[in-house]
Amino acid sequence: MVKWPTRASEALILALSIPVFFFLDFLDIILCLVYGFLDDLLEEKTYYPCCCENRVKQGTVIACTDGEGEVSETLHERRNPFRDMGLFRLRKRREVKGEKGFPKATRWSDCDCRFCVSWKGNEEQKLHLVVKEPLHAETEDPDQSQDSIENIIFLHGFLSSSSWWTETVFPNLSDWTNKNCKLFAVDLLGFGQSPKPSDALYTLKDHLEKIEKTVIEPFELDSFHIVAHSMGCVIALALAAKYSKSVKSITLVAPPYFTSTKENASQNALNRLAERKIWPPQRFGTSIMSWYEHLGRCVCFIVCRNHRLWEWLLKFICRRSSLHFMVVDMTRHTHHSAWNSMHNVLCGGAKLLDDHLEILKDSGVSVSVIQGDRDAVVPIECGHNVKSKVPLTDLTIVSNADHRTVVIGREKAFAGDLEGIWCSSAVHHEQKKL
């Protein structure tokens, strides 16, 4: 039974949340006008308009007929009491000009340091990729050794990069894996050192196409395993469903899978991942970055655009020559790439998760879920939801682990879990061939 102090605190939080978010709704409108003026004044080319004016009701939302290319309705239908008052229309709509695909200049509110714009020298706009080649044992038949290689693709989560895997899993793998497995870790589109085009919508389809052009097609992968964390799980399931005959196993770490109808899946995902509450602080910060486009842009302008200053200060205060990779990764994106990936992948992709899991269930792909029992970002129920959808899922609940410590702090054990999954699925795959 819930005690009265708990109920009272929850009621107080709810009561305080109403005026706070009412004020933030109005503040976001003011910032919309401010950014509209500054964009017109400071940008050399016209970019896509903000989501305040590019609404579904106005018929200006760009969408594809296939689900993976759709723009999530959460971008344009986020509730705001001032939206229908016409205040958003005070900002003059800008005409989209210029070629789509490769921006000529960096937005004035984004960082233009050498690291953040290094991807512009990549004319093919492929993702940043880290490849760890197998250390071949000496054999009399090199071709046979090549055929026995296990290919493994790693996909990171939101506000992260390939370092999530290269700093944790790669150094802790066994000699057998290092000799027999080829590892691919990518920076997803819009994160890390990968391209961050300002005219991209960062839909699920956009992410899939970049992975295909960066990993699957150039390396001619006809069989592979997938390991993904958090937001990467949504992309991983879409990739596995598309290549269900090639995927040997898929390991989902903290998959954001909430049960709901397809019509309500996107809005439900937004409400569950970024519920509008002022407490705890992490939830309040997530709700601001997910519900308020222009407030989120302010945060990115202050933090991401000036990441070199903040990193220098942290190094000075902590007396360290380098920072933890997670701290660095938090700023390696633009507001546009993070905002659209959050909505079009995490929320928009939620509508497709049932279909993708159904394909994997029918094709017999080995599905494993690893979830922390103290995960406050993706609740433990999500792992059980996958299990209920695909009964043969191997579900592992890690005690006293949250969204981060399900990997960080237990790297050796986590790498061992992955190796067990790869070995068992490889054996199962070979048995199916016989």
Protein backbone atom coordinates (compact mmCIF):
# COMPACT_ATOMS: atom_id res chain seq x y z
CA MET A 1 0.00 0.00 0.00
CA VAL A 2 1.27 3.49 -0.91
CA LYS A 3 1.79 5.60 2.23
CA TRP A 4 0.24 9.05 2.54
CA PRO A 5 3.59 10.95 2.47
CA THR A 6 4.31 9.42 -0.94
CA ARG A 7 0.88 10.36 -2.24
CA ALA A 8 1.23 13.86 -0.85
CA SER A 9 4.62 14.38 -2.47
CA GLU A 10 3.32 13.13 -5.81
CA ALA A 11 0.32 15.47 -5.59
CA LEU A 12 2.62 18.39 -4.76
CA ILE A 13 4.91 17.62 -7.70
CA LEU A 14 1.90 17.45 -10.02
CA ALA A 15 0.49 20.72 -8.69
CA LEU A 16 3.81 22.53 -9.14
CA SER A 17 4.38 21.01 -12.58
CA ILE A 18 1.26 22.63 -14.05
CA PRO A 19 2.33 26.31 -13.69
CA VAL A 20 5.98 25.51 -14.47
CA PHE A 21 5.19 23.88 -17.78
CA PHE A 22 2.56 26.52 -18.57
CA PHE A 23 5.32 29.12 -18.29
CA LEU A 24 7.69 27.00 -20.40
CA ASP A 25 4.99 26.70 -23.09
CA PHE A 26 4.87 30.49 -23.34
CA LEU A 27 8.65 30.88 -23.13
CA ASP A 28 9.11 28.50 -26.05
CA ILE A 29 6.93 30.77 -28.20
CA ILE A 30 9.06 33.80 -27.34
CA LEU A 31 12.21 31.87 -28.19
CA CYS A 32 10.64 30.74 -31.46
CA LEU A 33 10.32 34.40 -32.48
CA VAL A 34 13.84 35.20 -31.28
CA TYR A 35 15.44 32.33 -33.18
CA GLY A 36 13.39 33.14 -36.26
CA PHE A 37 14.81 36.67 -36.28
CA LEU A 38 18.39 35.49 -35.63
CA ASP A 39 18.20 32.76 -38.28
CA ASP A 40 17.12 35.32 -40.88
CA LEU A 41 19.86 37.67 -39.80
CA LEU A 42 22.82 35.31 -39.38
CA GLU A 43 22.36 32.36 -41.74
CA GLU A 44 23.65 32.46 -45.29
CA LYS A 45 21.23 29.80 -46.52
CA THR A 46 17.70 28.95 -45.55
CA TYR A 47 17.16 25.79 -43.51
CA TYR A 48 14.04 23.86 -42.79
CA PRO A 49 11.57 25.76 -40.59
CA CYS A 50 11.06 24.83 -36.96
CA CYS A 51 8.38 22.36 -35.97
CA CYS A 52 6.20 25.09 -34.46
CA GLU A 53 5.10 26.30 -37.89
CA ASN A 54 5.63 23.15 -39.95
CA ARG A 55 2.51 21.41 -38.70
CA VAL A 56 0.38 18.49 -39.79
CA LYS A 57 -2.79 20.60 -40.00
CA GLN A 58 -1.10 22.98 -42.40
CA GLY A 59 -0.19 20.13 -44.70
CA THR A 60 3.50 21.04 -44.72
CA VAL A 61 4.90 17.99 -42.97
CA ILE A 62 7.24 15.95 -45.16
CA ALA A 63 6.49 12.23 -44.95
CA CYS A 64 7.12 9.04 -46.86
CA THR A 65 4.70 6.28 -47.69
CA ASP A 66 6.86 3.70 -45.93
CA GLY A 67 6.74 3.76 -42.13
CA GLU A 68 10.49 4.01 -41.66
CA GLY A 69 10.62 7.32 -43.53
CA GLU A 70 7.73 8.99 -41.75
CA VAL A 71 8.06 12.09 -39.64
CA SER A 72 6.67 11.50 -36.16
CA GLU A 73 3.48 13.32 -35.28
CA THR A 74 5.02 14.15 -31.89
CA LEU A 75 7.12 16.79 -33.66
CA HIS A 76 4.07 18.84 -34.60
CA GLU A 77 1.33 17.79 -32.21
CA ARG A 78 3.05 18.34 -28.88
CA ARG A 79 0.44 19.90 -26.63
CA ASN A 80 0.81 23.61 -25.98
CA PRO A 81 -2.08 25.82 -24.80
CA PHE A 82 -0.77 28.72 -26.88
CA ARG A 83 -0.44 26.78 -30.12
CA ASP A 84 -4.01 27.24 -31.32
CA MET A 85 -4.10 30.88 -30.29
CA GLY A 86 -2.15 31.75 -33.42
CA LEU A 87 0.91 33.01 -31.58
CA PHE A 88 3.17 30.57 -33.40
CA ARG A 89 2.08 32.14 -36.67
CA LEU A 90 3.67 35.45 -35.67
CA ARG A 91 6.89 34.04 -37.02
CA LYS A 92 7.04 34.49 -40.76
CA ARG A 93 7.38 31.21 -42.59
CA ARG A 94 10.58 30.86 -44.54
CA GLU A 95 10.85 29.32 -47.95
CA VAL A 96 13.16 26.31 -48.18
CA LYS A 97 15.91 27.08 -50.66
CA GLY A 98 19.14 25.48 -51.77
CA GLU A 99 20.06 21.92 -52.62
CA LYS A 100 19.06 19.24 -50.18
CA GLY A 101 21.76 16.91 -48.97
CA PHE A 102 25.04 18.62 -48.12
CA PRO A 103 24.94 21.98 -46.29
CA LYS A 104 27.41 24.61 -47.39
CA ALA A 105 27.73 26.23 -43.97
CA THR A 106 27.35 25.43 -40.29
CA ARG A 107 24.36 26.93 -38.51
CA TRP A 108 25.29 29.93 -36.40
CA SER A 109 24.06 28.17 -33.25
CA ASP A 110 26.17 25.03 -33.84
CA CYS A 111 29.83 24.49 -33.04
CA ASP A 112 32.18 24.96 -35.99
CA CYS A 113 35.38 23.56 -34.43
CA ARG A 114 37.55 21.24 -36.48
CA PHE A 115 36.21 18.13 -34.74
CA CYS A 116 32.54 19.04 -35.19
CA VAL A 117 32.82 19.87 -38.91
CA SER A 118 35.38 17.22 -39.90
CA TRP A 119 32.60 15.18 -41.53
CA LYS A 120 32.16 17.83 -44.24
CA GLY A 121 35.24 16.47 -45.99
CA ASN A 122 33.36 13.19 -46.37
CA GLU A 123 31.73 13.67 -49.78
CA GLU A 124 29.89 10.32 -49.58
CA GLN A 125 28.51 11.27 -46.15
CA LYS A 126 29.26 7.85 -44.72
CA LEU A 127 29.09 7.33 -40.98
CA HIS A 128 32.18 7.38 -38.82
CA LEU A 129 33.12 3.72 -38.42
CA VAL A 130 35.48 1.86 -36.11
CA VAL A 131 36.45 -1.58 -37.39
CA LYS A 132 38.30 -4.12 -35.28
CA GLU A 133 39.71 -6.80 -37.55
CA PRO A 134 40.10 -10.38 -36.26
CA LEU A 135 43.55 -11.50 -35.23
CA HIS A 136 43.83 -14.56 -37.46
CA ALA A 137 45.43 -17.65 -36.06
CA GLU A 138 47.88 -19.31 -38.43
CA THR A 139 46.06 -21.95 -40.44
CA GLU A 140 46.81 -23.98 -43.50
CA ASP A 141 43.60 -22.83 -45.15
CA PRO A 142 43.20 -19.02 -44.94
CA ASP A 143 39.96 -19.08 -46.94
CA GLN A 144 38.33 -21.37 -44.42
CA SER A 145 39.36 -19.04 -41.60
CA GLN A 146 37.75 -16.09 -43.46
CA ASP A 147 34.49 -18.00 -43.90
CA SER A 148 34.29 -18.71 -40.18
CA ILE A 149 34.50 -15.03 -39.15
CA GLU A 150 31.54 -13.70 -37.15
CA ASN A 151 30.57 -10.13 -38.10
CA ILE A 152 29.12 -8.00 -35.30
CA ILE A 153 27.52 -4.56 -35.70
CA PHE A 154 27.29 -2.30 -32.63
CA LEU A 155 24.75 0.56 -32.43
CA HIS A 156 24.92 3.09 -29.60
CA GLY A 157 22.11 4.97 -27.90
CA PHE A 158 20.94 8.58 -27.70
CA LEU A 159 23.61 11.28 -27.12
CA SER A 160 26.36 8.72 -27.41
CA SER A 161 28.84 7.40 -29.98
CA SER A 162 30.83 4.33 -30.99
CA SER A 163 32.98 4.98 -27.90
CA TRP A 164 30.19 3.40 -25.86
CA TRP A 165 31.38 0.08 -27.29
CA THR A 166 35.04 0.66 -28.11
CA GLU A 167 35.77 1.82 -24.56
CA THR A 168 33.78 -0.89 -22.78
CA VAL A 169 33.28 -4.08 -24.81
CA PHE A 170 36.20 -4.10 -27.25
CA PRO A 171 38.98 -4.17 -24.62
CA ASN A 172 37.29 -6.95 -22.61
CA LEU A 173 36.69 -9.60 -25.24
CA SER A 174 38.33 -13.02 -25.05
CA ASP A 175 41.17 -14.22 -27.28
CA TRP A 176 38.75 -16.45 -29.20
CA THR A 177 36.52 -13.48 -30.09
CA ASN A 178 39.50 -11.33 -31.04
CA LYS A 179 40.67 -14.05 -33.42
CA ASN A 180 37.33 -15.02 -34.92
CA CYS A 181 35.12 -11.92 -34.90
CA LYS A 182 35.10 -8.73 -36.95
CA LEU A 183 33.61 -5.83 -35.01
CA PHE A 184 31.89 -2.76 -36.49
CA ALA A 185 30.98 0.20 -34.27
CA VAL A 186 29.40 3.23 -35.94
CA ASP A 187 28.60 6.76 -34.87
CA LEU A 188 24.94 7.05 -35.80
CA LEU A 189 23.86 9.84 -38.15
CA GLY A 190 24.02 13.16 -36.31
CA PHE A 191 26.23 11.97 -33.45
CA GLY A 192 29.94 11.67 -32.69
CA GLN A 193 32.06 12.20 -35.78
CA SER A 194 29.35 11.21 -38.25
CA PRO A 195 27.66 13.68 -40.65
CA LYS A 196 25.16 16.11 -39.13
CA PRO A 197 23.38 17.59 -42.18
CA SER A 198 21.04 20.44 -41.29
CA ASP A 199 18.50 19.51 -43.94
CA ALA A 200 18.09 15.88 -42.87
CA LEU A 201 14.99 14.76 -40.98
CA TYR A 202 16.85 11.97 -39.14
CA THR A 203 14.07 9.47 -39.69
CA LEU A 204 14.49 5.77 -39.05
CA LYS A 205 14.95 5.32 -42.79
CA ASP A 206 17.77 7.89 -42.85
CA HIS A 207 19.63 6.01 -40.11
CA LEU A 208 19.14 2.65 -41.81
CA GLU A 209 20.38 3.87 -45.18
CA LYS A 210 23.56 5.28 -43.66
CA ILE A 211 24.31 2.01 -41.85
CA GLU A 212 23.77 0.08 -45.06
CA LYS A 213 26.05 2.37 -47.08
CA THR A 214 28.72 2.44 -44.39
CA VAL A 215 28.82 -1.16 -43.18
CA ILE A 216 26.66 -3.75 -44.91
CA GLU A 217 27.24 -2.84 -48.56
CA PRO A 218 30.97 -1.91 -48.54
CA PHE A 219 31.94 -4.98 -46.51
CA GLU A 220 29.45 -7.24 -48.33
CA LEU A 221 28.07 -8.71 -45.13
CA ASP A 222 25.81 -11.68 -45.77
CA SER A 223 25.62 -12.68 -42.09
CA PHE A 224 26.07 -10.71 -38.91
CA HIS A 225 25.09 -10.20 -35.28
CA ILE A 226 23.70 -6.92 -33.91
CA VAL A 227 24.24 -5.39 -30.48
CA ALA A 228 22.38 -2.18 -29.58
CA HIS A 229 21.72 0.06 -26.61
CA SER A 230 18.68 2.26 -25.89
CA MET A 231 17.70 4.28 -29.01
CA GLY A 232 19.99 2.06 -31.06
CA CYS A 233 17.62 -0.84 -30.30
CA VAL A 234 14.86 0.78 -32.39
CA ILE A 235 17.27 1.08 -35.34
CA ALA A 236 18.64 -2.42 -34.71
CA LEU A 237 15.19 -4.01 -34.86
CA ALA A 238 14.42 -2.25 -38.14
CA LEU A 239 17.78 -3.38 -39.55
CA ALA A 240 17.30 -6.95 -38.34
CA ALA A 241 13.77 -7.12 -39.75
CA LYS A 242 15.03 -5.93 -43.14
CA TYR A 243 17.90 -8.44 -43.13
CA SER A 244 16.18 -11.21 -41.19
CA LYS A 245 17.81 -13.90 -43.36
CA SER A 246 21.28 -12.53 -42.63
CA VAL A 247 21.02 -11.75 -38.92
CA LYS A 248 22.24 -14.49 -36.61
CA SER A 249 21.38 -12.77 -33.35
CA ILE A 250 20.25 -9.43 -32.01
CA THR A 251 21.07 -8.26 -28.49
CA LEU A 252 18.98 -5.39 -27.15
CA VAL A 253 20.31 -3.53 -24.12
CA ALA A 254 17.55 -1.48 -22.45
CA PRO A 255 15.17 -1.47 -25.45
CA PRO A 256 12.51 1.30 -25.27
CA TYR A 257 9.52 -0.90 -26.16
CA PHE A 258 6.17 0.14 -24.68
CA THR A 259 2.98 -1.75 -25.46
CA SER A 260 0.26 0.34 -27.08
CA THR A 261 -1.82 0.56 -30.23
CA LYS A 262 -0.02 1.61 -33.40
CA GLU A 263 -2.07 4.81 -33.55
CA ASN A 264 -0.96 5.90 -30.07
CA ALA A 265 2.53 4.37 -30.05
CA SER A 266 4.48 7.56 -30.81
CA GLN A 267 2.69 9.76 -28.30
CA ASN A 268 2.83 7.00 -25.70
CA ALA A 269 6.59 6.65 -26.18
CA LEU A 270 7.07 10.41 -25.72
CA ASN A 271 4.94 10.44 -22.57
CA ARG A 272 6.78 7.46 -21.09
CA LEU A 273 10.32 8.53 -21.99
CA ALA A 274 9.87 12.25 -21.30
CA GLU A 275 6.95 12.66 -18.93
CA ARG A 276 6.32 16.32 -18.09
CA LYS A 277 7.36 16.38 -14.43
CA ILE A 278 9.59 18.72 -12.46
CA TRP A 279 10.96 15.89 -10.32
CA PRO A 280 13.29 14.05 -10.41
CA PRO A 281 15.71 16.53 -12.08
CA GLN A 282 16.70 14.04 -14.79
CA ARG A 283 13.06 13.67 -15.85
CA PHE A 284 12.59 17.45 -15.82
CA GLY A 285 15.63 17.93 -18.06
CA THR A 286 14.47 15.19 -20.44
CA SER A 287 11.00 16.72 -20.71
CA ILE A 288 12.43 20.15 -21.55
CA MET A 289 14.70 18.75 -24.27
CA SER A 290 11.90 16.58 -25.74
CA TRP A 291 8.87 18.88 -25.55
CA TYR A 292 10.38 22.31 -26.18
CA GLU A 293 12.27 22.71 -29.43
CA HIS A 294 13.61 26.20 -28.76
CA LEU A 295 14.44 25.71 -25.09
CA GLY A 296 16.37 22.64 -26.17
CA ARG A 297 18.15 24.68 -28.80
CA CYS A 298 19.19 27.16 -26.09
CA VAL A 299 20.71 24.35 -24.05
CA CYS A 300 22.61 23.06 -27.08
CA PHE A 301 23.74 26.59 -27.95
CA ILE A 302 25.16 27.09 -24.46
CA VAL A 303 26.59 23.60 -23.91
CA CYS A 304 27.32 21.98 -27.29
CA ARG A 305 28.45 25.07 -29.19
CA ASN A 306 30.87 25.91 -26.38
CA HIS A 307 31.92 22.37 -25.55
CA ARG A 308 35.61 23.21 -25.82
CA LEU A 309 35.29 25.77 -23.03
CA TRP A 310 33.33 23.42 -20.77
CA GLU A 311 35.74 20.57 -21.40
CA TRP A 312 38.69 22.81 -20.54
CA LEU A 313 37.01 23.92 -17.33
CA LEU A 314 36.20 20.34 -16.31
CA LYS A 315 39.77 19.25 -16.96
CA PHE A 316 41.06 22.19 -14.92
CA ILE A 317 38.68 21.60 -12.00
CA CYS A 318 39.19 17.84 -11.95
CA ARG A 319 42.93 18.11 -12.61
CA ARG A 320 42.68 15.63 -15.46
CA SER A 321 44.27 15.56 -18.89
CA SER A 322 41.26 13.85 -20.44
CA LEU A 323 37.56 13.40 -19.72
CA HIS A 324 35.41 10.29 -19.59
CA PHE A 325 34.11 9.41 -23.04
CA MET A 326 30.49 9.77 -21.91
CA VAL A 327 31.07 13.40 -20.93
CA VAL A 328 32.61 14.14 -24.32
CA ASP A 329 29.86 12.33 -26.25
CA MET A 330 27.12 14.39 -24.57
CA THR A 331 28.04 17.42 -26.69
CA ARG A 332 28.94 15.74 -30.00
CA HIS A 333 25.69 16.49 -31.82
CA THR A 334 23.64 19.42 -33.07
CA HIS A 335 20.27 20.34 -31.66
CA HIS A 336 18.70 19.52 -35.02
CA SER A 337 20.15 16.00 -35.14
CA ALA A 338 19.27 15.19 -31.53
CA TRP A 339 15.78 16.74 -31.65
CA ASN A 340 14.74 14.93 -34.81
CA SER A 341 16.34 11.61 -33.84
CA MET A 342 14.52 11.70 -30.52
CA HIS A 343 11.14 12.20 -32.17
CA ASN A 344 11.49 10.41 -35.50
CA VAL A 345 13.37 7.36 -34.17
CA LEU A 346 12.43 6.88 -30.52
CA CYS A 347 8.84 8.10 -30.89
CA GLY A 348 8.11 7.59 -34.59
CA GLY A 349 9.87 4.22 -34.65
CA ALA A 350 7.68 2.98 -31.79
CA LYS A 351 4.86 2.42 -34.29
CA LEU A 352 6.96 -0.16 -36.14
CA LEU A 353 8.39 -2.16 -33.25
CA ASP A 354 5.55 -4.70 -33.18
CA ASP A 355 5.94 -5.41 -36.90
CA HIS A 356 9.71 -5.75 -36.64
CA LEU A 357 9.51 -8.09 -33.65
CA GLU A 358 6.90 -10.18 -35.46
CA ILE A 359 9.25 -10.61 -38.42
CA LEU A 360 12.08 -11.72 -36.13
CA LYS A 361 9.76 -14.10 -34.32
CA ASP A 362 8.67 -15.74 -37.57
CA SER A 363 12.20 -15.93 -38.97
CA GLY A 364 13.61 -17.54 -35.85
CA VAL A 365 16.35 -14.92 -35.24
CA SER A 366 17.92 -15.29 -31.80
CA VAL A 367 16.73 -12.35 -29.67
CA SER A 368 18.34 -11.45 -26.33
CA VAL A 369 17.48 -8.60 -23.96
CA ILE A 370 19.69 -7.28 -21.19
CA GLN A 371 18.01 -4.86 -18.79
CA GLY A 372 18.94 -3.21 -15.50
CA ASP A 373 16.38 -3.52 -12.71
CA ARG A 374 16.95 0.12 -11.66
CA ASP A 375 16.70 1.70 -15.08
CA ALA A 376 14.86 5.02 -14.67
CA VAL A 377 15.12 5.92 -18.38
CA VAL A 378 13.78 2.74 -19.96
CA PRO A 379 11.76 0.91 -17.28
CA ILE A 380 12.25 -2.78 -16.64
CA GLU A 381 8.81 -3.53 -18.08
CA CYS A 382 10.22 -2.90 -21.58
CA GLY A 383 12.38 -6.01 -21.40
CA HIS A 384 9.38 -8.08 -20.34
CA ASN A 385 7.34 -6.54 -23.16
CA VAL A 386 9.84 -7.86 -25.71
CA LYS A 387 9.71 -11.26 -24.02
CA SER A 388 5.90 -11.34 -24.24
CA LYS A 389 6.04 -10.42 -27.94
CA VAL A 390 8.80 -12.92 -28.79
CA PRO A 391 8.46 -15.74 -26.21
CA LEU A 392 11.81 -17.33 -27.07
CA THR A 393 13.66 -14.14 -26.12
CA ASP A 394 16.51 -14.68 -23.69
CA LEU A 395 15.83 -12.05 -21.01
CA THR A 396 18.57 -11.14 -18.52
CA ILE A 397 17.77 -8.76 -15.66
CA VAL A 398 20.89 -7.27 -14.09
CA SER A 399 20.52 -6.50 -10.38
CA ASN A 400 21.32 -3.00 -9.09
CA ALA A 401 21.99 -1.71 -12.64
CA ASP A 402 20.47 1.32 -14.33
CA HIS A 403 20.46 2.61 -17.90
CA ARG A 404 24.19 3.30 -17.80
CA THR A 405 25.59 0.79 -15.32
CA VAL A 406 24.01 -2.11 -17.15
CA VAL A 407 27.26 -1.83 -19.16
CA ILE A 408 29.51 0.72 -17.42
CA GLY A 409 31.17 -0.77 -14.36
CA ARG A 410 30.55 -4.37 -15.39
CA GLU A 411 32.31 -4.36 -18.74
CA LYS A 412 33.98 -7.75 -18.34
CA ALA A 413 30.78 -9.51 -17.34
CA PHE A 414 28.83 -7.77 -20.08
CA ALA A 415 31.38 -8.77 -22.74
CA GLY A 416 31.14 -12.34 -21.46
CA ASP A 417 27.35 -12.27 -21.80
CA LEU A 418 27.68 -11.09 -25.41
CA GLU A 419 30.20 -13.81 -26.27
CA GLY A 420 27.87 -16.45 -24.90
CA ILE A 421 25.05 -15.11 -27.09
CA TRP A 422 27.22 -15.05 -30.22
CA CYS A 423 28.55 -18.56 -29.71
CA SER A 424 25.17 -20.14 -29.02
CA SER A 425 23.46 -18.35 -31.92
CA ALA A 426 26.30 -19.26 -34.31
CA VAL A 427 25.92 -22.94 -33.36
CA HIS A 428 22.15 -22.72 -33.75
CA HIS A 429 22.57 -21.05 -37.14
CA GLU A 430 24.85 -23.82 -38.35
CA GLN A 431 22.40 -26.48 -37.15
CA LYS A 432 19.61 -24.84 -39.16
CA LYS A 433 21.73 -25.17 -42.31
CA LEU A 434 22.13 -28.93 -41.86
